[in-house]
C-alpha atoms as a PDB file:
ATOM      1  CA  UNK A   1       5.756 -13.594 -13.917  1.00  0.00           C
ATOM      2  CA  UNK A   2       2.046 -12.676 -14.597  1.00  0.00           C
ATOM      3  CA  UNK A   3       1.199 -16.664 -14.825  1.00  0.00           C
ATOM      4  CA  UNK A   4       3.007 -17.210 -11.455  1.00  0.00           C
ATOM      5  CA  UNK A   5       0.838 -14.427 -10.051  1.00  0.00           C
ATOM      6  CA  UNK A   6      -2.248 -15.463 -11.329  1.00  0.00           C
ATOM      7  CA  UNK A   7      -1.891 -19.137 -10.354  1.00  0.00           C
ATOM      8  CA  UNK A   8      -1.203 -18.051  -7.059  1.00  0.00           C
ATOM      9  CA  UNK A   9      -4.362 -16.213  -6.545  1.00  0.00           C
ATOM     10  CA  UNK A  10      -6.094 -18.850  -7.915  1.00  0.00           C
ATOM     11  CA  UNK A  11      -4.205 -21.213  -5.527  1.00  0.00           C
ATOM     12  CA  UNK A  12      -4.697 -19.050  -2.019  1.00  0.00           C
ATOM     13  CA  UNK A  13      -8.590 -18.497  -3.195  1.00  0.00           C
ATOM     14  CA  UNK A  14      -9.411 -22.039  -3.374  1.00  0.00           C
ATOM     15  CA  UNK A  15      -7.015 -22.628   0.102  1.00  0.00           C
ATOM     16  CA  UNK A  16      -8.711 -19.964   2.078  1.00  0.00           C
ATOM     17  CA  UNK A  17     -12.259 -21.039   0.951  1.00  0.00           C
ATOM     18  CA  UNK A  18     -11.318 -24.330   2.049  1.00  0.00           C
ATOM     19  CA  UNK A  19     -10.362 -23.330   5.504  1.00  0.00           C
ATOM     20  CA  UNK A  20     -13.697 -20.790   5.645  1.00  0.00           C
ATOM     21  CA  UNK A  21     -16.069 -24.085   5.334  1.00  0.00           C
ATOM     22  CA  UNK A  22     -13.554 -25.590   7.877  1.00  0.00           C
ATOM     23  CA  UNK A  23     -14.318 -22.907  10.028  1.00  0.00           C
ATOM     24  CA  UNK A  24     -18.088 -22.790   9.663  1.00  0.00           C
ATOM     25  CA  UNK A  25     -18.057 -26.459  10.543  1.00  0.00           C
ATOM     26  CA  UNK A  26     -16.224 -26.218  13.684  1.00  0.00           C
ATOM     27  CA  UNK A  27     -17.587 -22.684  14.567  1.00  0.00           C
ATOM     28  CA  UNK A  28     -14.004 -21.292  15.173  1.00  0.00           C
ATOM     29  CA  UNK A  29     -12.619 -18.633  13.050  1.00  0.00           C
ATOM     30  CA  UNK A  30      -9.452 -19.118  14.790  1.00  0.00           C
ATOM     31  CA  UNK A  31      -8.492 -21.862  12.041  1.00  0.00           C
ATOM     32  CA  UNK A  32      -7.431 -18.653  10.052  1.00  0.00           C
ATOM     33  CA  UNK A  33      -4.752 -18.049  12.422  1.00  0.00           C
ATOM     34  CA  UNK A  34      -3.548 -21.935  12.062  1.00  0.00           C
ATOM     35  CA  UNK A  35      -3.630 -21.513   8.315  1.00  0.00           C
ATOM     36  CA  UNK A  36      -1.640 -18.365   7.807  1.00  0.00           C
ATOM     37  CA  UNK A  37       1.533 -20.014   7.912  1.00  0.00           C
ATOM     38  CA  UNK A  38       0.479 -23.206   5.586  1.00  0.00           C
ATOM     39  CA  UNK A  39      -0.505 -20.643   3.147  1.00  0.00           C
ATOM     40  CA  UNK A  40       2.667 -19.488   2.624  1.00  0.00           C
ATOM     41  CA  UNK A  41       4.266 -22.642   2.120  1.00  0.00           C
ATOM     42  CA  UNK A  42       1.418 -23.463  -0.759  1.00  0.00           C
ATOM     43  CA  UNK A  43       2.484 -20.397  -2.701  1.00  0.00           C
ATOM     44  CA  UNK A  44       6.200 -21.265  -2.308  1.00  0.00           C
ATOM     45  CA  UNK A  45       5.876 -24.528  -3.443  1.00  0.00           C
ATOM     46  CA  UNK A  46       3.463 -23.993  -6.197  1.00  0.00           C
ATOM     47  CA  UNK A  47       5.701 -21.100  -7.535  1.00  0.00           C
ATOM     48  CA  UNK A  48       8.894 -23.481  -7.150  1.00  0.00           C
ATOM     49  CA  UNK A  49       7.397 -26.462  -8.911  1.00  0.00           C
ATOM     50  CA  UNK A  50       5.190 -24.323 -11.712  1.00  0.00           C
ATOM     51  CA  UNK A  51       7.902 -24.339 -14.414  1.00  0.00           C
ATOM     52  CA  UNK A  52      11.117 -26.619 -14.321  1.00  0.00           C
ATOM     53  CA  UNK A  53      14.652 -25.194 -13.914  1.00  0.00           C
ATOM     54  CA  UNK A  54      14.458 -23.917 -10.434  1.00  0.00           C
ATOM     55  CA  UNK A  55      17.842 -22.450  -9.038  1.00  0.00           C
ATOM     56  CA  UNK A  56      19.577 -22.676  -5.829  1.00  0.00           C
ATOM     57  CA  UNK A  57      17.974 -19.383  -4.700  1.00  0.00           C
ATOM     58  CA  UNK A  58      14.447 -20.797  -5.379  1.00  0.00           C
ATOM     59  CA  UNK A  59      15.175 -23.754  -3.170  1.00  0.00           C
ATOM     60  CA  UNK A  60      16.734 -21.282  -0.479  1.00  0.00           C
ATOM     61  CA  UNK A  61      13.747 -19.440  -0.031  1.00  0.00           C
ATOM     62  CA  UNK A  62      10.951 -22.043  -0.394  1.00  0.00           C
ATOM     63  CA  UNK A  63      12.879 -23.808   2.350  1.00  0.00           C
ATOM     64  CA  UNK A  64      13.078 -20.539   4.448  1.00  0.00           C
ATOM     65  CA  UNK A  65       9.110 -20.047   3.909  1.00  0.00           C
ATOM     66  CA  UNK A  66       8.655 -23.832   4.774  1.00  0.00           C
ATOM     67  CA  UNK A  67      10.577 -23.462   8.036  1.00  0.00           C
ATOM     68  CA  UNK A  68       9.039 -20.599   9.050  1.00  0.00           C
ATOM     69  CA  UNK A  69       5.587 -21.738   8.101  1.00  0.00           C
ATOM     70  CA  UNK A  70       5.817 -25.073   9.645  1.00  0.00           C
ATOM     71  CA  UNK A  71       7.013 -23.415  12.998  1.00  0.00           C
ATOM     72  CA  UNK A  72       4.310 -21.023  13.123  1.00  0.00           C
ATOM     73  CA  UNK A  73       1.333 -23.362  12.344  1.00  0.00           C
ATOM     74  CA  UNK A  74       2.443 -26.069  15.240  1.00  0.00           C
ATOM     75  CA  UNK A  75       3.351 -23.052  17.559  1.00  0.00           C
ATOM     76  CA  UNK A  76      -0.256 -21.941  16.909  1.00  0.00           C
ATOM     77  CA  UNK A  77      -1.692 -25.327  17.018  1.00  0.00           C
ATOM     78  CA  UNK A  78      -0.505 -26.184  20.174  1.00  0.00           C
ATOM     79  CA  UNK A  79      -1.266 -22.215  21.679  1.00  0.00           C
ATOM     80  CA  UNK A  80      -4.984 -23.163  20.865  1.00  0.00           C
ATOM     81  CA  UNK A  81      -5.560 -26.612  21.439  1.00  0.00           C
ATOM     82  CA  UNK A  82      -8.448 -27.120  23.890  1.00  0.00           C
ATOM     83  CA  UNK A  83      -9.123 -23.476  23.925  1.00  0.00           C
ATOM     84  CA  UNK A  84     -12.064 -21.488  22.494  1.00  0.00           C
ATOM     85  CA  UNK A  85     -12.350 -19.175  19.869  1.00  0.00           C
ATOM     86  CA  UNK A  86      -9.843 -16.622  19.920  1.00  0.00           C
ATOM     87  CA  UNK A  87     -11.024 -13.332  21.591  1.00  0.00           C
ATOM     88  CA  UNK A  88     -10.946 -11.142  18.261  1.00  0.00           C
ATOM     89  CA  UNK A  89     -13.135 -13.480  16.551  1.00  0.00           C
ATOM     90  CA  UNK A  90     -15.259 -14.359  19.459  1.00  0.00           C
ATOM     91  CA  UNK A  91     -16.099 -10.157  19.595  1.00  0.00           C
ATOM     92  CA  UNK A  92     -16.527 -10.211  15.660  1.00  0.00           C
ATOM     93  CA  UNK A  93     -18.765 -13.076  15.776  1.00  0.00           C
ATOM     94  CA  UNK A  94     -21.008 -11.195  18.435  1.00  0.00           C
ATOM     95  CA  UNK A  95     -20.836  -7.626  16.474  1.00  0.00           C
ATOM     96  CA  UNK A  96     -21.436  -8.894  12.904  1.00  0.00           C
ATOM     97  CA  UNK A  97     -24.371 -11.157  13.663  1.00  0.00           C
ATOM     98  CA  UNK A  98     -26.495 -12.318  11.150  1.00  0.00           C
ATOM     99  CA  UNK A  99     -23.822 -11.018   8.816  1.00  0.00           C
ATOM    100  CA  UNK A 100     -21.256 -13.117  10.463  1.00  0.00           C
ATOM    101  CA  UNK A 101     -20.958 -15.813   7.514  1.00  0.00           C
ATOM    102  CA  UNK A 102     -20.589 -13.150   4.646  1.00  0.00           C
ATOM    103  CA  UNK A 103     -18.539 -10.925   6.768  1.00  0.00           C
ATOM    104  CA  UNK A 104     -16.395 -14.122   7.896  1.00  0.00           C
ATOM    105  CA  UNK A 105     -15.528 -14.783   4.480  1.00  0.00           C
ATOM    106  CA  UNK A 106     -14.914 -11.643   3.141  1.00  0.00           C
ATOM    107  CA  UNK A 107     -13.255  -9.635   6.018  1.00  0.00           C
ATOM    108  CA  UNK A 108     -11.565 -12.315   7.517  1.00  0.00           C
ATOM    109  CA  UNK A 109     -10.757 -15.227   4.966  1.00  0.00           C
ATOM    110  CA  UNK A 110     -10.377 -13.220   1.703  1.00  0.00           C
ATOM    111  CA  UNK A 111      -8.654 -10.333   3.358  1.00  0.00           C
ATOM    112  CA  UNK A 112      -6.130 -12.478   4.914  1.00  0.00           C
ATOM    113  CA  UNK A 113      -5.517 -14.326   1.447  1.00  0.00           C
ATOM    114  CA  UNK A 114      -5.063 -10.858  -0.156  1.00  0.00           C
ATOM    115  CA  UNK A 115      -2.400  -9.886   2.681  1.00  0.00           C
ATOM    116  CA  UNK A 116      -0.911 -13.402   2.097  1.00  0.00           C
ATOM    117  CA  UNK A 117      -0.626 -12.807  -1.339  1.00  0.00           C
ATOM    118  CA  UNK A 118       0.904  -9.252  -1.071  1.00  0.00           C
ATOM    119  CA  UNK A 119       3.362 -10.755   1.669  1.00  0.00           C
ATOM    120  CA  UNK A 120       4.194 -13.716  -0.867  1.00  0.00           C
ATOM    121  CA  UNK A 121       4.769 -11.293  -3.856  1.00  0.00           C
ATOM    122  CA  UNK A 122       8.717 -11.508  -2.926  1.00  0.00           C
ATOM    123  CA  UNK A 123       8.828 -14.930  -3.013  1.00  0.00           C
ATOM    124  CA  UNK A 124       6.815 -15.413  -6.398  1.00  0.00           C
ATOM    125  CA  UNK A 125       9.330 -12.964  -7.699  1.00  0.00           C
ATOM    126  CA  UNK A 126      12.332 -14.768  -6.708  1.00  0.00           C
ATOM    127  CA  UNK A 127      10.871 -18.252  -7.889  1.00  0.00           C
ATOM    128  CA  UNK A 128       9.682 -16.989 -11.098  1.00  0.00           C
ATOM    129  CA  UNK A 129      13.326 -15.293 -11.941  1.00  0.00           C
ATOM    130  CA  UNK A 130      15.769 -17.611 -13.876  1.00  0.00           C
ATOM    131  CA  UNK A 131      18.863 -15.558 -12.519  1.00  0.00           C
ATOM    132  CA  UNK A 132      21.186 -18.471 -11.735  1.00  0.00           C
ATOM    133  CA  UNK A 133      23.806 -18.588  -8.391  1.00  0.00           C
ATOM    134  CA  UNK A 134      23.797 -17.016  -5.224  1.00  0.00           C
ATOM    135  CA  UNK A 135      25.636 -13.899  -4.083  1.00  0.00           C
ATOM    136  CA  UNK A 136      26.340 -11.803  -1.304  1.00  0.00           C
ATOM    137  CA  UNK A 137      22.799  -9.992  -0.941  1.00  0.00           C
ATOM    138  CA  UNK A 138      21.441 -13.812  -0.923  1.00  0.00           C
ATOM    139  CA  UNK A 139      23.968 -14.582   2.350  1.00  0.00           C
ATOM    140  CA  UNK A 140      22.960 -11.314   3.868  1.00  0.00           C
ATOM    141  CA  UNK A 141      19.483 -11.679   3.868  1.00  0.00           C
ATOM    142  CA  UNK A 142      19.678 -15.454   4.725  1.00  0.00           C
ATOM    143  CA  UNK A 143      21.893 -14.328   7.977  1.00  0.00           C
ATOM    144  CA  UNK A 144      18.988 -11.494   8.693  1.00  0.00           C
ATOM    145  CA  UNK A 145      16.405 -14.215   8.118  1.00  0.00           C
ATOM    146  CA  UNK A 146      18.052 -16.640  10.746  1.00  0.00           C
ATOM    147  CA  UNK A 147      18.389 -13.782  13.387  1.00  0.00           C
ATOM    148  CA  UNK A 148      14.554 -13.315  12.931  1.00  0.00           C
ATOM    149  CA  UNK A 149      13.795 -16.736  13.353  1.00  0.00           C
ATOM    150  CA  UNK A 150      15.675 -17.434  16.284  1.00  0.00           C
ATOM    151  CA  UNK A 151      14.267 -14.089  18.015  1.00  0.00           C
ATOM    152  CA  UNK A 152      10.724 -15.212  16.994  1.00  0.00           C
ATOM    153  CA  UNK A 153      11.273 -18.937  18.184  1.00  0.00           C
ATOM    154  CA  UNK A 154      12.749 -18.120  21.461  1.00  0.00           C
ATOM    155  CA  UNK A 155      10.651 -15.588  22.084  1.00  0.00           C
ATOM    156  CA  UNK A 156       7.567 -17.795  21.842  1.00  0.00           C
ATOM    157  CA  UNK A 157       9.381 -20.589  23.687  1.00  0.00           C
ATOM    158  CA  UNK A 158       9.971 -18.194  26.767  1.00  0.00           C
ATOM    159  CA  UNK A 159       6.354 -17.178  26.752  1.00  0.00           C
ATOM    160  CA  UNK A 160       4.881 -20.755  26.626  1.00  0.00           C
ATOM    161  CA  UNK A 161       6.995 -21.503  29.517  1.00  0.00           C
ATOM    162  CA  UNK A 162       5.881 -18.471  31.600  1.00  0.00           C
ATOM    163  CA  UNK A 163       2.467 -19.436  30.751  1.00  0.00           C
ATOM    164  CA  UNK A 164       2.855 -22.769  31.620  1.00  0.00           C
ATOM    165  CA  UNK A 165       3.733 -21.993  35.446  1.00  0.00           C
ATOM    166  CA  UNK A 166       0.614 -21.707  37.230  1.00  0.00           C
ATOM    167  CA  UNK A 167       2.616 -19.197  39.629  1.00  0.00           C
ATOM    168  CA  UNK A 168       2.637 -16.589  36.954  1.00  0.00           C
ATOM    169  CA  UNK A 169      -1.149 -16.701  36.146  1.00  0.00           C
ATOM    170  CA  UNK A 170      -2.202 -13.012  35.558  1.00  0.00           C
ATOM    171  CA  UNK A 171       1.237 -11.814  35.510  1.00  0.00           C
ATOM    172  CA  UNK A 172       3.042  -9.923  32.754  1.00  0.00           C
ATOM    173  CA  UNK A 173       6.104 -11.706  31.142  1.00  0.00           C
ATOM    174  CA  UNK A 174       8.902  -9.220  31.613  1.00  0.00           C
ATOM    175  CA  UNK A 175      12.197 -11.392  31.392  1.00  0.00           C
ATOM    176  CA  UNK A 176      14.321 -13.106  28.671  1.00  0.00           C
ATOM    177  CA  UNK A 177      13.996 -11.408  25.182  1.00  0.00           C
ATOM    178  CA  UNK A 178      10.387  -9.797  26.708  1.00  0.00           C
ATOM    179  CA  UNK A 179      12.943  -7.400  28.401  1.00  0.00           C
ATOM    180  CA  UNK A 180      13.910  -5.742  25.658  1.00  0.00           C
ATOM    181  CA  UNK A 181      10.669  -5.467  23.705  1.00  0.00           C
ATOM    182  CA  UNK A 182       7.058  -6.220  24.366  1.00  0.00           C
ATOM    183  CA  UNK A 183       6.660  -8.164  21.276  1.00  0.00           C
ATOM    184  CA  UNK A 184       9.922 -10.220  20.195  1.00  0.00           C
ATOM    185  CA  UNK A 185       7.889 -12.427  18.286  1.00  0.00           C
ATOM    186  CA  UNK A 186       6.539  -9.633  15.797  1.00  0.00           C
ATOM    187  CA  UNK A 187       9.822  -8.000  15.584  1.00  0.00           C
ATOM    188  CA  UNK A 188      11.231 -11.757  14.556  1.00  0.00           C
ATOM    189  CA  UNK A 189       8.504 -12.193  11.943  1.00  0.00           C
ATOM    190  CA  UNK A 190       9.103  -8.685  10.342  1.00  0.00           C
ATOM    191  CA  UNK A 191      12.871  -9.317  10.455  1.00  0.00           C
ATOM    192  CA  UNK A 192      12.437 -12.343   8.824  1.00  0.00           C
ATOM    193  CA  UNK A 193      10.319 -10.669   5.824  1.00  0.00           C
ATOM    194  CA  UNK A 194      13.229  -8.093   5.635  1.00  0.00           C
ATOM    195  CA  UNK A 195      15.454 -10.825   5.358  1.00  0.00           C
ATOM    196  CA  UNK A 196      13.757 -12.549   2.166  1.00  0.00           C
ATOM    197  CA  UNK A 197      13.683  -9.116   0.666  1.00  0.00           C
ATOM    198  CA  UNK A 198      17.385  -8.778   0.880  1.00  0.00           C
ATOM    199  CA  UNK A 199      17.595 -12.222  -1.431  1.00  0.00           C
ATOM    200  CA  UNK A 200      14.751 -10.697  -3.820  1.00  0.00           C
ATOM    201  CA  UNK A 201      17.149  -7.802  -4.682  1.00  0.00           C
ATOM    202  CA  UNK A 202      19.125 -10.248  -6.001  1.00  0.00           C
ATOM    203  CA  UNK A 203      16.884 -10.850  -8.924  1.00  0.00           C
ATOM    204  CA  UNK A 204      15.109  -8.588 -11.768  1.00  0.00           C
ATOM    205  CA  UNK A 205      12.775  -5.946 -10.308  1.00  0.00           C
ATOM    206  CA  UNK A 206      13.613  -6.889  -6.878  1.00  0.00           C
ATOM    207  CA  UNK A 207      13.112  -3.358  -5.424  1.00  0.00           C
ATOM    208  CA  UNK A 208       9.741  -3.844  -6.051  1.00  0.00           C
ATOM    209  CA  UNK A 209       9.243  -6.669  -3.162  1.00  0.00           C
ATOM    210  CA  UNK A 210       9.661  -3.889  -0.689  1.00  0.00           C
ATOM    211  CA  UNK A 211       5.703  -3.790  -0.442  1.00  0.00           C
ATOM    212  CA  UNK A 212       6.041  -7.388   1.032  1.00  0.00           C
ATOM    213  CA  UNK A 213       8.254  -6.676   4.250  1.00  0.00           C
ATOM    214  CA  UNK A 214       6.493  -3.287   4.342  1.00  0.00           C
ATOM    215  CA  UNK A 215       3.089  -4.655   4.540  1.00  0.00           C
ATOM    216  CA  UNK A 216       3.809  -7.250   7.226  1.00  0.00           C
ATOM    217  CA  UNK A 217       5.519  -4.889   9.354  1.00  0.00           C
ATOM    218  CA  UNK A 218       2.584  -2.147   9.153  1.00  0.00           C
ATOM    219  CA  UNK A 219      -0.025  -4.965   9.671  1.00  0.00           C
ATOM    220  CA  UNK A 220       2.241  -6.094  12.924  1.00  0.00           C
ATOM    221  CA  UNK A 221       2.956  -2.804  14.385  1.00  0.00           C
ATOM    222  CA  UNK A 222      -0.411  -1.118  13.783  1.00  0.00           C
ATOM    223  CA  UNK A 223      -3.286  -3.327  12.659  1.00  0.00           C
ATOM    224  CA  UNK A 224      -3.205  -6.952  13.874  1.00  0.00           C
ATOM    225  CA  UNK A 225      -0.368  -7.401  15.924  1.00  0.00           C
ATOM    226  CA  UNK A 226       1.294  -4.846  18.802  1.00  0.00           C
ATOM    227  CA  UNK A 227      -2.022  -2.355  18.485  1.00  0.00           C
ATOM    228  CA  UNK A 228      -4.877  -4.994  18.674  1.00  0.00           C
ATOM    229  CA  UNK A 229      -2.889  -7.311  21.648  1.00  0.00           C
ATOM    230  CA  UNK A 230      -2.063  -4.385  23.816  1.00  0.00           C
ATOM    231  CA  UNK A 231      -5.789  -2.956  23.940  1.00  0.00           C
ATOM    232  CA  UNK A 232      -6.597  -6.115  25.718  1.00  0.00           C
ATOM    233  CA  UNK A 233      -4.157  -5.182  28.402  1.00  0.00           C
ATOM    234  CA  UNK A 234      -5.474  -1.395  28.726  1.00  0.00           C
ATOM    235  CA  UNK A 235      -5.963  -0.560  32.260  1.00  0.00           C
ATOM    236  CA  UNK A 236      -3.694  -3.347  33.759  1.00  0.00           C
ATOM    237  CA  UNK A 237      -1.278  -1.856  35.944  1.00  0.00           C
ATOM    238  CA  UNK A 238       1.379  -4.211  35.686  1.00  0.00           C
ATOM    239  CA  UNK A 239       1.411  -3.716  32.087  1.00  0.00           C
ATOM    240  CA  UNK A 240       1.451  -0.180  32.064  1.00  0.00           C
ATOM    241  CA  UNK A 241       4.243  -0.257  34.195  1.00  0.00           C
ATOM    242  CA  UNK A 242       5.979  -2.573  32.030  1.00  0.00           C
ATOM    243  CA  UNK A 243       5.082  -0.478  28.682  1.00  0.00           C
ATOM    244  CA  UNK A 244       6.629   2.764  30.102  1.00  0.00           C
ATOM    245  CA  UNK A 245      10.067   1.022  30.481  1.00  0.00           C
ATOM    246  CA  UNK A 246       9.915  -1.543  27.274  1.00  0.00           C
ATOM    247  CA  UNK A 247      10.348  -0.936  23.546  1.00  0.00           C
ATOM    248  CA  UNK A 248       7.081  -1.763  21.840  1.00  0.00           C
ATOM    249  CA  UNK A 249       8.830  -3.312  18.839  1.00  0.00           C
ATOM    250  CA  UNK A 250      12.359  -2.878  18.549  1.00  0.00           C
ATOM    251  CA  UNK A 251      14.770  -4.549  21.055  1.00  0.00           C
ATOM    252  CA  UNK A 252      16.446  -1.998  23.532  1.00  0.00           C
ATOM    253  CA  UNK A 253      17.662  -1.689  26.914  1.00  0.00           C
ATOM    254  CA  UNK A 254      14.892  -1.255  29.399  1.00  0.00           C
ATOM    255  CA  UNK A 255      14.189   2.351  30.707  1.00  0.00           C
ATOM    256  CA  UNK A 256      15.389   3.474  33.829  1.00  0.00           C
ATOM    257  CA  UNK A 257      12.249   4.146  36.520  1.00  0.00           C
END
């Protein structure tokens, strides 16, 4: 297990350092977001092929990470295509001034790399386990993952279609899955990692993997997801009315006026 972790640390360090140099050349730290999903794929495949004799559970989890990571990377690439640096990174670029390069390396790329490793811990744990076969927990985890994947994908597609309609410029998305939660994409992503955690429970010391879904859920709720994005809409009357009636994260029926 230790060699899997150490090799994953090295792989992520090299990968995130490469992304950092690309971002400096392009003068756009948004590359960190586009490289996020691919980093998980790197860890999953690296640990899958680190030693011979991988089992069906290894292939299953690695396949789930591959599907999620590729979809997310493509989605972010299309979303950012032709646009300026994301507002979060642009704000830090101004605030950090002459320390921008150093702080970008450590506070953006290395920090994301560390978070990536912690979230990937459950994948590393599964791929380093030799317990053969699959059981009811694996099937349950797969169903939870599929639910989350569909929820995130549909939410992203609905929002993209809404934004592509020029008549909706400046308006707030409030239909489809967005009628039940203000952030169906974030809810779906967290759900997928909880699904993989259920699969991790099938292997030795699988309970320790709870740190992975717990961290991504906390990040989405309190750090880089819901909290940060909603600050952008502070003072927007339409969004404030929407927020009063709609759940922030967990899907639920809209409140009546």
